[in-house]
Amino acid sequence: LRIHEFLNDIEDPRIASLKVGRQSKWILSEAYNFAFQFATGELLLKVDCDTKLHPDFLKHHPVGERSNSFYRVNWSTTKDMNEQHLSGVFLVRKLHFDEVRGYDERIQSYGWDDSDLYMRIERLGVAAQDIDTSFLEHIHHEDVVRASDPEDLESPTFHIQLNSILIQHVPPWSEAWLTVHAQYRCVLRTEDGRYVDAEMTRPVAPLEEITSPEVYLEAEKLAYSRVLHDKYSIPWGILHEIKDPLPDVLSAFRHFNTPSGAKAKGAIFGEVVGTPAQRILALISMVALADKHDRILFLTWTTGEEAEEEIGADAGHMHLSSMFDWRKSGLVDALEGGKRVTSRLFPIGRLRCKPDPQSCSGSDAAWNAVSSGLNETEIALTLRGMHDGKNHILLHLDHTLKGLSQEELFSSYRRLVPSATLMERVRKFGDTSKKLGVYVGMHMHPKQVVDFAKRLKKIAFRNANEFLVVGSQHGEVEDLRKELDISSWDDDVEHETETHYQRIVREVSELYALGQARTILNDGRCPAEVHELISILNSGKLSHEMNITSDSVRMTRIITKIKNTNVRK
């Protein structure tokens, strides 16, 4: 039903139709300011088109001609999310509305226009009173109806925060109004003035255009952070460590979360510690846990003071990013048509709150939503949404988690795409799929190294170049390589002077190369975590095509059953 048809049917001279033509979009602040100019009564009652009024609403919300108060819906006392959408309803004397120059017309996206108006009216000394919401009803509809971008359902929440920040960086509306408010040319279509056509002759520039690019970018970042903190309870200590674009993080939370009204799924905050093998096992385990329970994963590779002095506070993020391509590792969908790709993995700089999140709740209440994950029972309850008040899990791991199958762990490993830096190191080992891998996990005297080399040569069916020798004891590894006449592939790095960062990348690349060997031999002291990791690496086909041959021929390795052969006496 068109508005003019409705007006013709009711034939009420008190109701007028005001139409502003040639407007590309609906801007609430401009529309209501324009309409209220035509109001002739003492009071202004503003309701939205999705609001129903009880017949006795005005009776229960008296505002006299000399009243020094106004009514608005108190957002903080609303009973549910649906009722919160009534916060734009208000009843105020027109005198007070005009004194503050109405809505700030520079706010042209959804949100904060009403809160800004209420605060300016209160600064006049006019007291705000709560509307009794039992005399109002909000007609429920999905956020896609009110979002400025139908593809972005976080748009309303984000723009509320953005507008609240940007408004602080421009002159007050009462001062700016005279030179910037919208102006119109109006034409009466009927003698009784019930139908008015108008055209805007002076448009208003939005906040986004009148603030500097630097201010806008900072405001945008803070707005996204507030949404993640306030809506999804991500602690500030985590948000400050995220290096990825925050819109991507917010998109991931929306992708993995349940429908509106249900309890939001939390995230896993993970820190991997220990030896390189232990860290990779912990990493694989956390990715598997996130995959299994549809959770977002924030990860850091704890590096210690040595690495932070060498690289800086971002050492944990840099170590992970230097070994794995996170933009490819975490993909769960790749929508076509230029739409944003969703990831579930986000490396962070460090975890500042450990081991008990409650110790940080005094400075940030969001930590109250984080479970310490100290045992499997606590983890399981949190993942099932049965841990009272806990949405997130904080894990410090140097091993694999219980309850994850070998298949789940291997699937997780396949999702970790090695970085170009790591693959460059792995390629230096050549094609290891035809070599015998040897892991040295114990200290040996020179004579023991010679004897060990003799036993290895007896096993070799061709020549010593078939061996790939790595291990935790670098001195013994180098001595054994010499006894086997194996040329070093990392002569460009002096191990005595290599940095912490270089050592980590080297050790991880050695484990990856060892995992491709057709058979694994050891000295009897191979750490349990190395055995476990090699078992996962050899669980089936490697999902990533690894360019490891000198002539750049891409090959996909198929590993058969691993043979951990003890070659000690």
Protein backbone atom coordinates (compact mmCIF):
# COMPACT_ATOMS: atom_id res chain seq x y z
CA LEU A 1 0.00 0.00 0.00
CA ARG A 2 1.47 3.36 -1.03
CA ILE A 3 1.58 6.15 1.55
CA HIS A 4 -0.64 8.54 -0.41
CA GLU A 5 -3.27 5.80 -0.83
CA PHE A 6 -3.19 5.20 2.91
CA LEU A 7 -3.60 8.94 3.61
CA ASN A 8 -6.51 9.19 1.19
CA ASP A 9 -8.25 6.31 2.93
CA ILE A 10 -7.99 7.72 6.45
CA GLU A 11 -8.65 11.36 5.47
CA ASP A 12 -6.97 12.73 8.61
CA PRO A 13 -5.71 16.32 8.07
CA ARG A 14 -3.20 15.92 10.92
CA ILE A 15 -1.13 13.42 8.90
CA ALA A 16 1.09 14.59 6.07
CA SER A 17 3.26 12.86 3.46
CA LEU A 18 6.73 14.33 2.96
CA LYS A 19 8.76 13.00 0.08
CA VAL A 20 12.37 13.89 -0.71
CA GLY A 21 13.31 12.79 -4.20
CA ARG A 22 16.59 11.73 -5.79
CA GLN A 23 17.99 10.09 -2.64
CA SER A 24 20.22 7.08 -3.25
CA LYS A 25 19.75 5.66 0.25
CA TRP A 26 17.78 6.12 3.46
CA ILE A 27 19.58 8.32 6.01
CA LEU A 28 17.68 8.38 9.31
CA SER A 29 19.23 11.56 10.71
CA GLU A 30 18.36 13.67 7.66
CA ALA A 31 14.89 12.15 7.23
CA TYR A 32 13.68 12.78 10.78
CA ASN A 33 15.21 16.24 11.00
CA PHE A 34 13.39 17.17 7.80
CA ALA A 35 10.08 15.71 8.99
CA PHE A 36 10.20 17.28 12.45
CA GLN A 37 10.47 20.73 10.86
CA PHE A 38 6.82 20.28 9.79
CA ALA A 39 5.62 19.18 13.25
CA THR A 40 3.30 21.74 14.87
CA GLY A 41 2.72 20.12 18.26
CA GLU A 42 4.56 20.60 21.54
CA LEU A 43 5.81 17.01 21.66
CA LEU A 44 7.74 14.78 19.28
CA LEU A 45 7.24 11.01 19.43
CA LYS A 46 9.65 9.12 17.24
CA VAL A 47 8.95 5.47 16.40
CA ASP A 48 10.31 3.24 13.65
CA CYS A 49 8.31 1.32 11.09
CA ASP A 50 9.03 -1.94 12.96
CA THR A 51 7.50 -0.67 16.23
CA LYS A 52 3.97 -1.17 17.61
CA LEU A 53 2.59 1.29 20.21
CA HIS A 54 0.15 0.33 22.96
CA PRO A 55 -2.99 2.57 22.87
CA ASP A 56 -2.19 3.82 26.41
CA PHE A 57 1.46 4.61 25.68
CA LEU A 58 1.11 8.40 26.02
CA LYS A 59 -1.06 8.07 29.13
CA HIS A 60 1.74 6.22 30.91
CA HIS A 61 4.52 8.54 29.67
CA PRO A 62 3.40 12.09 30.51
CA VAL A 63 5.49 15.03 29.31
CA GLY A 64 4.00 18.39 30.21
CA GLU A 65 4.49 21.71 28.44
CA ARG A 66 6.91 22.78 31.17
CA SER A 67 8.45 19.36 31.66
CA ASN A 68 12.22 19.21 32.00
CA SER A 69 12.50 15.54 31.13
CA PHE A 70 12.12 13.25 28.14
CA TYR A 71 11.55 9.54 27.59
CA ARG A 72 13.73 7.10 25.72
CA VAL A 73 14.26 3.34 25.80
CA ASN A 74 17.16 2.50 28.10
CA TRP A 75 19.26 0.06 26.09
CA SER A 76 20.99 -1.32 29.19
CA THR A 77 17.72 -2.44 30.84
CA THR A 78 16.12 -4.15 27.84
CA LYS A 79 15.25 -7.81 28.36
CA ASP A 80 16.57 -9.28 25.12
CA MET A 81 18.24 -8.49 21.80
CA ASN A 82 14.89 -8.01 20.06
CA GLU A 83 13.82 -5.41 22.64
CA GLN A 84 17.14 -3.58 22.29
CA HIS A 85 16.07 -2.55 18.82
CA LEU A 86 13.48 -0.26 20.45
CA SER A 87 16.26 2.06 21.63
CA GLY A 88 15.45 4.55 18.86
CA VAL A 89 12.00 5.34 20.30
CA PHE A 90 11.76 8.63 22.22
CA LEU A 91 9.24 11.22 23.43
CA VAL A 92 10.58 14.76 23.86
CA ARG A 93 9.45 18.34 23.84
CA LYS A 94 10.02 19.89 20.40
CA LEU A 95 11.63 22.85 22.13
CA HIS A 96 14.43 20.63 23.47
CA PHE A 97 14.84 18.76 20.20
CA ASP A 98 15.23 22.01 18.27
CA GLU A 99 17.62 23.45 20.85
CA VAL A 100 20.18 20.69 20.17
CA ARG A 101 19.52 20.97 16.38
CA GLY A 102 18.06 17.49 16.22
CA TYR A 103 19.96 14.52 14.93
CA ASP A 104 23.56 14.91 13.85
CA GLU A 105 23.18 14.59 10.09
CA ARG A 106 26.83 13.67 9.67
CA ILE A 107 25.92 10.24 11.10
CA GLN A 108 24.68 8.55 7.93
CA SER A 109 25.17 4.84 8.61
CA TYR A 110 23.26 2.65 11.04
CA GLY A 111 23.65 3.33 14.74
CA TRP A 112 24.66 5.81 17.45
CA ASP A 113 22.46 8.57 16.01
CA ASP A 114 19.91 8.12 18.82
CA SER A 115 22.49 7.74 21.62
CA ASP A 116 24.25 10.91 20.45
CA LEU A 117 20.94 12.79 20.41
CA TYR A 118 20.00 11.66 23.93
CA MET A 119 23.36 12.70 25.37
CA ARG A 120 23.09 16.18 23.85
CA ILE A 121 19.55 16.64 25.22
CA GLU A 122 20.72 15.55 28.67
CA ARG A 123 23.53 18.14 28.53
CA LEU A 124 20.78 20.79 28.42
CA GLY A 125 19.83 19.65 31.91
CA VAL A 126 16.83 17.68 30.65
CA ALA A 127 16.49 14.43 32.60
CA ALA A 128 16.17 11.15 30.73
CA GLN A 129 13.46 8.74 31.88
CA ASP A 130 13.02 5.12 30.87
CA ILE A 131 10.20 4.14 28.56
CA ASP A 132 8.18 1.25 29.91
CA THR A 133 8.75 -1.31 27.13
CA SER A 134 5.58 -3.20 28.06
CA PHE A 135 3.79 -0.46 26.10
CA LEU A 136 5.94 -1.09 23.01
CA GLU A 137 6.48 -4.05 20.74
CA HIS A 138 9.33 -4.51 18.28
CA ILE A 139 8.40 -6.43 15.13
CA HIS A 140 11.19 -8.97 14.81
CA HIS A 141 13.17 -9.21 11.58
CA GLU A 142 16.66 -10.39 10.68
CA ASP A 143 19.64 -8.01 10.77
CA VAL A 144 20.01 -8.35 7.00
CA VAL A 145 17.02 -6.02 6.70
CA ARG A 146 18.69 -3.20 8.63
CA ALA A 147 22.32 -3.79 7.54
CA SER A 148 23.69 -1.17 5.18
CA ASP A 149 25.56 -4.00 3.45
CA PRO A 150 23.31 -7.09 3.07
CA GLU A 151 26.43 -9.25 2.72
CA ASP A 152 27.78 -8.03 6.07
CA LEU A 153 25.52 -8.96 8.96
CA GLU A 154 27.96 -7.41 11.44
CA SER A 155 27.36 -4.07 9.73
CA PRO A 156 24.88 -2.64 12.31
CA THR A 157 27.06 -3.49 15.34
CA PHE A 158 30.22 -2.30 13.63
CA HIS A 159 28.76 1.02 12.47
CA ILE A 160 27.38 1.79 15.93
CA GLN A 161 30.92 1.54 17.27
CA LEU A 162 32.48 3.36 14.32
CA ASN A 163 30.08 6.30 14.54
CA SER A 164 30.58 6.59 18.31
CA ILE A 165 34.33 6.95 17.73
CA LEU A 166 34.30 9.24 14.68
CA ILE A 167 31.85 11.69 16.26
CA GLN A 168 34.54 12.53 18.83
CA HIS A 169 36.84 13.82 16.08
CA VAL A 170 34.54 16.44 14.56
CA PRO A 171 33.14 19.76 15.90
CA PRO A 172 29.91 19.49 17.97
CA TRP A 173 26.75 19.37 15.88
CA SER A 174 25.32 22.47 17.58
CA GLU A 175 28.33 24.43 16.30
CA ALA A 176 28.60 22.82 12.86
CA TRP A 177 24.84 22.80 12.14
CA LEU A 178 24.58 26.35 10.81
CA THR A 179 26.96 25.79 7.91
CA VAL A 180 26.55 22.08 7.15
CA HIS A 181 22.94 20.98 7.84
CA ALA A 182 20.84 19.76 4.92
CA GLN A 183 18.70 22.27 3.04
CA TYR A 184 15.70 21.59 0.79
CA ARG A 185 13.47 23.12 -1.85
CA CYS A 186 9.86 22.17 -1.07
CA VAL A 187 6.72 22.13 -3.24
CA LEU A 188 3.18 21.74 -1.85
CA ARG A 189 1.25 19.28 -3.97
CA THR A 190 -2.10 20.04 -2.28
CA GLU A 191 -3.60 23.18 -0.78
CA ASP A 192 -4.10 21.56 2.62
CA GLY A 193 -0.34 20.89 2.86
CA ARG A 194 -0.76 17.16 3.42
CA TYR A 195 1.47 16.28 0.46
CA VAL A 196 4.92 17.83 0.13
CA ASP A 197 7.56 17.07 -2.47
CA ALA A 198 11.11 18.18 -1.71
CA GLU A 199 14.57 18.13 -3.23
CA MET A 200 17.77 18.42 -1.23
CA THR A 201 19.75 21.48 -2.29
CA ARG A 202 22.61 21.18 0.20
CA PRO A 203 23.68 17.64 1.11
CA VAL A 204 25.69 16.80 4.22
CA ALA A 205 29.06 15.04 4.07
CA PRO A 206 29.17 11.91 6.27
CA LEU A 207 31.62 11.36 9.13
CA GLU A 208 33.68 9.03 6.97
CA GLU A 209 34.45 11.86 4.55
CA ILE A 210 35.14 14.70 6.95
CA THR A 211 37.65 12.86 9.13
CA SER A 212 41.23 12.34 8.00
CA PRO A 213 42.24 8.96 6.54
CA GLU A 214 44.53 8.37 9.53
CA VAL A 215 41.74 9.03 12.03
CA TYR A 216 39.30 6.88 10.08
CA LEU A 217 41.66 3.90 9.88
CA GLU A 218 42.33 4.03 13.64
CA ALA A 219 38.61 4.39 14.34
CA GLU A 220 37.81 1.47 12.06
CA LYS A 221 40.35 -0.75 13.81
CA LEU A 222 39.02 0.20 17.24
CA ALA A 223 35.42 -0.37 16.12
CA TYR A 224 36.19 -3.89 14.91
CA SER A 225 38.07 -4.56 18.15
CA ARG A 226 35.11 -3.42 20.23
CA VAL A 227 32.73 -5.71 18.36
CA LEU A 228 35.06 -8.68 18.86
CA HIS A 229 35.54 -7.80 22.52
CA ASP A 230 31.96 -6.87 23.44
CA LYS A 231 30.05 -9.37 21.31
CA TYR A 232 32.42 -12.35 21.25
CA SER A 233 34.33 -11.75 24.53
CA ILE A 234 37.78 -11.75 22.92
CA PRO A 235 40.11 -10.23 25.56
CA TRP A 236 41.99 -7.07 24.69
CA GLY A 237 45.23 -8.92 25.40
CA ILE A 238 44.44 -11.22 22.46
CA LEU A 239 43.11 -8.48 20.17
CA HIS A 240 46.29 -6.43 20.51
CA GLU A 241 48.35 -9.43 19.36
CA ILE A 242 46.36 -10.20 16.19
CA LYS A 243 48.25 -9.26 13.03
CA ASP A 244 45.60 -10.24 10.47
CA PRO A 245 42.98 -7.71 9.33
CA LEU A 246 40.28 -7.58 12.00
CA PRO A 247 37.44 -7.74 9.41
CA ASP A 248 38.77 -11.20 8.49
CA VAL A 249 38.66 -12.26 12.14
CA LEU A 250 35.13 -10.92 12.55
CA SER A 251 34.08 -12.68 9.35
CA ALA A 252 35.45 -15.94 10.74
CA PHE A 253 33.47 -15.61 13.97
CA ARG A 254 30.30 -14.96 12.03
CA HIS A 255 31.00 -17.95 9.75
CA PHE A 256 31.57 -20.45 12.57
CA ASN A 257 28.87 -19.23 14.89
CA THR A 258 25.38 -20.52 15.47
CA PRO A 259 22.19 -18.72 14.37
CA SER A 260 21.10 -15.51 16.06
CA GLY A 261 19.90 -16.05 19.62
CA ALA A 262 21.96 -19.16 20.31
CA LYS A 263 25.07 -19.15 22.47
CA ALA A 264 28.06 -18.03 20.44
CA LYS A 265 30.89 -20.49 19.89
CA GLY A 266 34.15 -19.41 21.41
CA ALA A 267 37.74 -19.68 20.25
CA ILE A 268 40.84 -21.63 21.20
CA PHE A 269 43.84 -19.57 22.32
CA GLY A 270 46.86 -21.82 21.89
CA GLU A 271 50.51 -21.63 22.82
CA VAL A 272 52.93 -24.34 21.63
CA VAL A 273 56.01 -24.97 23.77
CA GLY A 274 58.91 -27.43 24.06
CA THR A 275 61.22 -28.87 21.42
CA PRO A 276 60.43 -28.31 17.72
CA ALA A 277 58.92 -31.81 17.51
CA GLN A 278 56.77 -31.19 20.60
CA ARG A 279 55.64 -27.85 19.21
CA ILE A 280 54.60 -29.29 15.86
CA LEU A 281 52.68 -32.07 17.62
CA ALA A 282 50.93 -29.49 19.79
CA LEU A 283 50.23 -27.36 16.73
CA ILE A 284 48.74 -30.28 14.81
CA SER A 285 46.70 -31.19 17.87
CA MET A 286 45.21 -27.73 18.27
CA VAL A 287 44.32 -27.45 14.60
CA ALA A 288 42.62 -30.87 14.83
CA LEU A 289 40.67 -29.76 17.92
CA ALA A 290 39.56 -26.56 16.18
CA ASP A 291 38.50 -28.51 13.08
CA LYS A 292 36.61 -31.11 15.10
CA HIS A 293 34.59 -28.56 17.07
CA ASP A 294 34.32 -25.77 14.48
CA ARG A 295 36.31 -23.29 16.53
CA ILE A 296 38.56 -20.40 15.56
CA LEU A 297 42.17 -20.87 16.61
CA PHE A 298 44.57 -18.14 17.73
CA LEU A 299 48.10 -19.52 17.91
CA THR A 300 51.49 -18.42 19.14
CA TRP A 301 54.89 -20.13 19.15
CA THR A 302 56.44 -19.24 22.50
CA THR A 303 60.00 -18.18 21.91
CA GLY A 304 61.37 -16.92 25.20
CA GLU A 305 63.42 -13.83 26.03
CA GLU A 306 66.26 -14.82 23.65
CA ALA A 307 64.07 -14.61 20.56
CA GLU A 308 62.21 -11.50 21.72
CA GLU A 309 65.49 -9.69 22.18
CA GLU A 310 66.55 -10.83 18.70
CA ILE A 311 63.30 -10.23 16.78
CA GLY A 312 61.05 -8.24 19.09
CA ALA A 313 57.67 -8.76 20.70
CA ASP A 314 56.28 -10.27 17.46
CA ALA A 315 58.66 -13.22 17.63
CA GLY A 316 55.88 -15.77 18.25
CA HIS A 317 53.91 -14.57 15.24
CA MET A 318 57.02 -14.41 13.04
CA HIS A 319 58.10 -17.96 13.91
CA LEU A 320 54.72 -19.40 12.93
CA SER A 321 54.44 -17.27 9.80
CA SER A 322 57.96 -18.17 8.71
CA MET A 323 57.14 -21.89 8.79
CA PHE A 324 53.52 -22.06 7.65
CA ASP A 325 51.36 -20.18 5.17
CA TRP A 326 48.50 -19.26 7.46
CA ARG A 327 46.41 -17.64 4.78
CA LYS A 328 46.20 -21.01 3.01
CA SER A 329 46.40 -23.34 6.03
CA GLY A 330 43.23 -22.12 7.69
CA LEU A 331 40.86 -21.97 4.73
CA VAL A 332 37.48 -23.59 5.21
CA ASP A 333 35.78 -22.10 2.19
CA ALA A 334 36.76 -20.08 -0.84
CA LEU A 335 33.61 -18.41 -2.07
CA GLU A 336 33.61 -17.35 -5.67
CA GLY A 337 32.76 -13.98 -7.10
CA GLY A 338 35.33 -12.06 -5.11
CA LYS A 339 33.73 -12.74 -1.75
CA ARG A 340 35.93 -12.93 1.32
CA VAL A 341 37.64 -16.23 2.03
CA THR A 342 37.10 -17.58 5.54
CA SER A 343 39.96 -18.81 7.70
CA ARG A 344 39.92 -20.37 11.13
CA LEU A 345 43.64 -19.96 11.97
CA PHE A 346 45.19 -16.71 13.14
CA PRO A 347 48.78 -16.43 14.44
CA ILE A 348 49.30 -13.97 17.30
CA GLY A 349 52.37 -12.42 18.88
CA ARG A 350 52.16 -13.81 22.39
CA LEU A 351 49.80 -14.89 25.16
CA ARG A 352 50.16 -12.36 27.93
CA CYS A 353 47.72 -13.97 30.38
CA LYS A 354 48.88 -17.39 31.56
CA PRO A 355 48.48 -19.94 32.92
CA ASP A 356 45.22 -18.97 34.65
CA PRO A 357 42.97 -16.55 32.70
CA GLN A 358 41.20 -15.55 35.91
CA SER A 359 44.33 -13.73 37.02
CA CYS A 360 43.69 -11.18 34.25
CA SER A 361 39.94 -10.78 34.75
CA GLY A 362 40.45 -7.82 37.06
CA SER A 363 41.69 -5.68 34.18
CA ASP A 364 39.43 -7.20 31.49
CA ALA A 365 36.21 -9.06 32.31
CA ALA A 366 36.39 -10.85 28.94
CA TRP A 367 38.94 -13.23 30.50
CA ASN A 368 36.09 -14.60 32.64
CA ALA A 369 34.82 -16.29 29.49
CA VAL A 370 38.12 -18.17 29.03
CA SER A 371 38.64 -21.67 30.44
CA SER A 372 42.20 -22.57 31.42
CA GLY A 373 41.97 -25.97 29.70
CA LEU A 374 44.03 -27.63 32.43
CA ASN A 375 42.44 -31.04 31.90
CA GLU A 376 40.47 -32.98 29.30
CA THR A 377 37.22 -32.75 31.30
CA GLU A 378 37.34 -28.95 31.44
CA ILE A 379 38.14 -28.78 27.73
CA ALA A 380 35.27 -31.12 26.82
CA LEU A 381 32.73 -29.21 28.94
CA THR A 382 33.74 -25.88 27.39
CA LEU A 383 33.60 -27.25 23.84
CA ARG A 384 30.10 -28.60 24.48
CA GLY A 385 28.95 -25.28 25.95
CA MET A 386 28.43 -26.86 29.38
CA HIS A 387 31.15 -25.01 31.31
CA ASP A 388 29.23 -22.25 33.07
CA GLY A 389 30.12 -18.86 31.62
CA LYS A 390 33.08 -20.20 29.61
CA ASN A 391 33.23 -19.90 25.82
CA HIS A 392 36.96 -19.95 25.05
CA ILE A 393 39.82 -22.30 25.91
CA LEU A 394 43.40 -21.33 26.75
CA LEU A 395 45.89 -24.14 26.00
CA HIS A 396 49.64 -24.46 26.63
CA LEU A 397 50.72 -27.64 24.86
CA ASP A 398 53.92 -29.60 24.28
CA HIS A 399 52.17 -32.84 23.24
CA THR A 400 49.16 -34.23 21.44
CA LEU A 401 45.76 -33.98 23.08
CA LYS A 402 43.88 -37.10 24.13
CA GLY A 403 40.68 -37.91 22.34
CA LEU A 404 41.98 -37.13 18.84
CA SER A 405 42.30 -39.99 16.38
CA GLN A 406 45.32 -40.59 14.16
CA GLU A 407 43.14 -39.76 11.18
CA GLU A 408 42.11 -36.42 12.72
CA LEU A 409 45.73 -35.58 13.50
CA PHE A 410 46.86 -36.45 10.00
CA SER A 411 44.02 -34.44 8.47
CA SER A 412 45.12 -31.50 10.61
CA TYR A 413 48.74 -31.91 9.46
CA ARG A 414 47.66 -31.89 5.82
CA ARG A 415 45.97 -28.51 6.35
CA LEU A 416 49.23 -26.90 7.49
CA VAL A 417 50.70 -25.52 4.30
CA PRO A 418 54.49 -25.07 4.62
CA SER A 419 55.76 -21.58 3.96
CA ALA A 420 58.11 -20.69 1.13
CA THR A 421 60.88 -20.21 3.71
CA LEU A 422 60.39 -23.69 5.15
CA MET A 423 60.11 -25.33 1.73
CA GLU A 424 63.32 -23.65 0.58
CA ARG A 425 65.09 -25.27 3.52
CA VAL A 426 63.48 -28.67 2.86
CA ARG A 427 64.49 -28.59 -0.80
CA LYS A 428 68.15 -28.38 0.22
CA PHE A 429 67.91 -31.99 1.39
CA GLY A 430 67.04 -33.12 -2.12
CA ASP A 431 64.59 -35.93 -2.83
CA THR A 432 64.48 -37.63 0.59
CA SER A 433 61.71 -40.06 -0.36
CA LYS A 434 64.39 -42.49 -1.58
CA LYS A 435 66.76 -41.99 1.33
CA LEU A 436 67.19 -43.74 4.65
CA GLY A 437 66.43 -41.27 7.41
CA VAL A 438 68.65 -41.33 10.48
CA TYR A 439 67.79 -39.49 13.69
CA VAL A 440 70.53 -38.96 16.29
CA GLY A 441 69.02 -38.39 19.72
CA MET A 442 71.93 -39.15 22.08
CA HIS A 443 75.40 -37.93 22.90
CA MET A 444 78.12 -40.16 21.43
CA HIS A 445 81.89 -40.27 21.80
CA PRO A 446 83.91 -40.10 18.56
CA LYS A 447 84.45 -43.89 18.59
CA GLN A 448 80.71 -44.46 19.00
CA VAL A 449 80.09 -42.24 16.00
CA VAL A 450 82.50 -44.31 13.90
CA ASP A 451 80.89 -47.59 15.01
CA PHE A 452 77.42 -46.20 14.34
CA ALA A 453 78.47 -45.18 10.83
CA LYS A 454 79.80 -48.68 10.13
CA ARG A 455 76.49 -50.26 11.14
CA LEU A 456 74.59 -47.80 8.97
CA LYS A 457 76.78 -48.59 5.95
CA LYS A 458 75.98 -52.27 6.33
CA ILE A 459 72.28 -51.42 6.09
CA ALA A 460 72.69 -49.28 2.98
CA PHE A 461 72.12 -51.17 -0.24
CA ARG A 462 73.81 -48.66 -2.54
CA ASN A 463 76.00 -45.84 -1.20
CA ALA A 464 76.19 -43.47 1.74
CA ASN A 465 74.49 -40.65 -0.17
CA GLU A 466 71.22 -42.47 0.46
CA PHE A 467 71.27 -41.30 4.07
CA LEU A 468 69.56 -38.29 5.54
CA VAL A 469 71.07 -37.59 8.96
CA VAL A 470 69.40 -35.18 11.40
CA GLY A 471 68.97 -35.03 15.14
CA SER A 472 68.95 -33.07 18.37
CA GLN A 473 72.72 -33.45 18.92
CA HIS A 474 74.19 -31.22 16.25
CA GLY A 475 77.85 -32.06 16.92
CA GLU A 476 77.24 -35.80 16.61
CA VAL A 477 75.05 -35.23 13.54
CA GLU A 478 77.87 -33.40 11.75
CA ASP A 479 80.43 -36.04 12.77
CA LEU A 480 78.19 -38.83 11.53
CA ARG A 481 77.61 -37.06 8.22
CA LYS A 482 81.38 -36.84 7.72
CA GLU A 483 81.81 -40.57 8.47
CA LEU A 484 79.11 -41.32 5.90
CA ASP A 485 80.67 -38.93 3.37
CA ILE A 486 77.51 -36.86 3.22
CA SER A 487 78.01 -33.30 2.04
CA SER A 488 76.37 -30.67 4.18
CA TRP A 489 73.36 -28.87 2.69
CA ASP A 490 73.53 -25.93 5.06
CA ASP A 491 77.07 -24.66 4.75
CA ASP A 492 75.67 -21.18 4.39
CA VAL A 493 74.84 -21.17 8.10
CA GLU A 494 77.42 -21.51 10.85
CA HIS A 495 75.57 -23.28 13.67
CA GLU A 496 77.74 -21.66 16.29
CA THR A 497 76.53 -18.23 15.17
CA GLU A 498 73.03 -18.99 13.89
CA THR A 499 70.25 -17.01 15.50
CA HIS A 500 67.41 -18.52 17.53
CA TYR A 501 65.08 -17.88 14.61
CA GLN A 502 67.41 -19.64 12.12
CA ARG A 503 67.83 -22.61 14.43
CA ILE A 504 64.08 -23.12 14.81
CA VAL A 505 63.47 -23.01 11.05
CA ARG A 506 66.39 -25.40 10.46
CA GLU A 507 65.19 -27.93 13.04
CA VAL A 508 61.61 -27.88 11.75
CA SER A 509 62.78 -28.28 8.14
CA GLU A 510 64.89 -31.28 9.19
CA LEU A 511 61.85 -32.94 10.78
CA TYR A 512 59.77 -32.29 7.65
CA ALA A 513 62.51 -33.76 5.45
CA LEU A 514 62.89 -36.76 7.78
CA GLY A 515 59.16 -37.38 7.56
CA GLN A 516 59.54 -37.96 3.80
CA ALA A 517 62.27 -40.59 4.12
CA ARG A 518 61.24 -44.09 2.98
CA THR A 519 62.62 -45.67 6.16
CA ILE A 520 63.61 -44.14 9.51
CA LEU A 521 66.60 -45.44 11.44
CA ASN A 522 67.66 -44.25 14.88
CA ASP A 523 70.29 -44.70 17.55
CA GLY A 524 67.89 -46.07 20.15
CA ARG A 525 67.52 -42.71 21.87
CA CYS A 526 65.05 -41.11 19.47
CA PRO A 527 62.65 -38.98 21.59
CA ALA A 528 59.09 -40.25 21.84
CA GLU A 529 57.73 -37.03 20.33
CA VAL A 530 59.92 -37.50 17.24
CA HIS A 531 58.59 -41.06 16.80
CA GLU A 532 55.03 -39.76 17.17
CA LEU A 533 55.54 -36.88 14.76
CA ILE A 534 57.18 -39.06 12.11
CA SER A 535 54.27 -41.48 12.43
CA ILE A 536 51.84 -38.65 11.66
CA LEU A 537 53.95 -37.34 8.79
CA ASN A 538 53.98 -40.83 7.30
CA SER A 539 50.27 -41.57 7.82
CA GLY A 540 49.42 -41.36 4.12
CA LYS A 541 49.77 -39.14 1.11
CA LEU A 542 51.20 -35.72 1.69
CA SER A 543 48.52 -33.26 0.74
CA HIS A 544 50.90 -30.54 -0.42
CA GLU A 545 52.86 -31.06 -3.62
CA MET A 546 56.42 -30.40 -2.46
CA ASN A 547 58.96 -29.19 -5.03
CA ILE A 548 62.07 -30.84 -3.56
CA THR A 549 64.03 -32.02 -6.59
CA SER A 550 66.91 -30.04 -8.07
CA ASP A 551 65.25 -29.84 -11.47
CA SER A 552 62.06 -28.34 -9.94
CA VAL A 553 59.95 -31.37 -10.83
CA ARG A 554 56.87 -31.37 -8.60
CA MET A 555 56.14 -34.72 -6.99
CA THR A 556 53.65 -36.04 -4.51
CA ARG A 557 55.12 -38.51 -2.07
CA ILE A 558 53.28 -41.67 -1.13
CA ILE A 559 54.60 -43.18 2.09
CA THR A 560 54.10 -46.80 3.01
CA LYS A 561 54.34 -48.17 6.51
CA ILE A 562 57.03 -46.47 8.57
CA LYS A 563 59.91 -48.61 9.82
CA ASN A 564 61.56 -47.32 12.98
CA THR A 565 64.64 -49.50 12.96
CA ASN A 566 66.95 -49.57 16.00
CA VAL A 567 70.53 -49.93 14.76
CA ARG A 568 72.26 -49.93 18.14
CA LYS A 569 74.07 -53.07 19.26
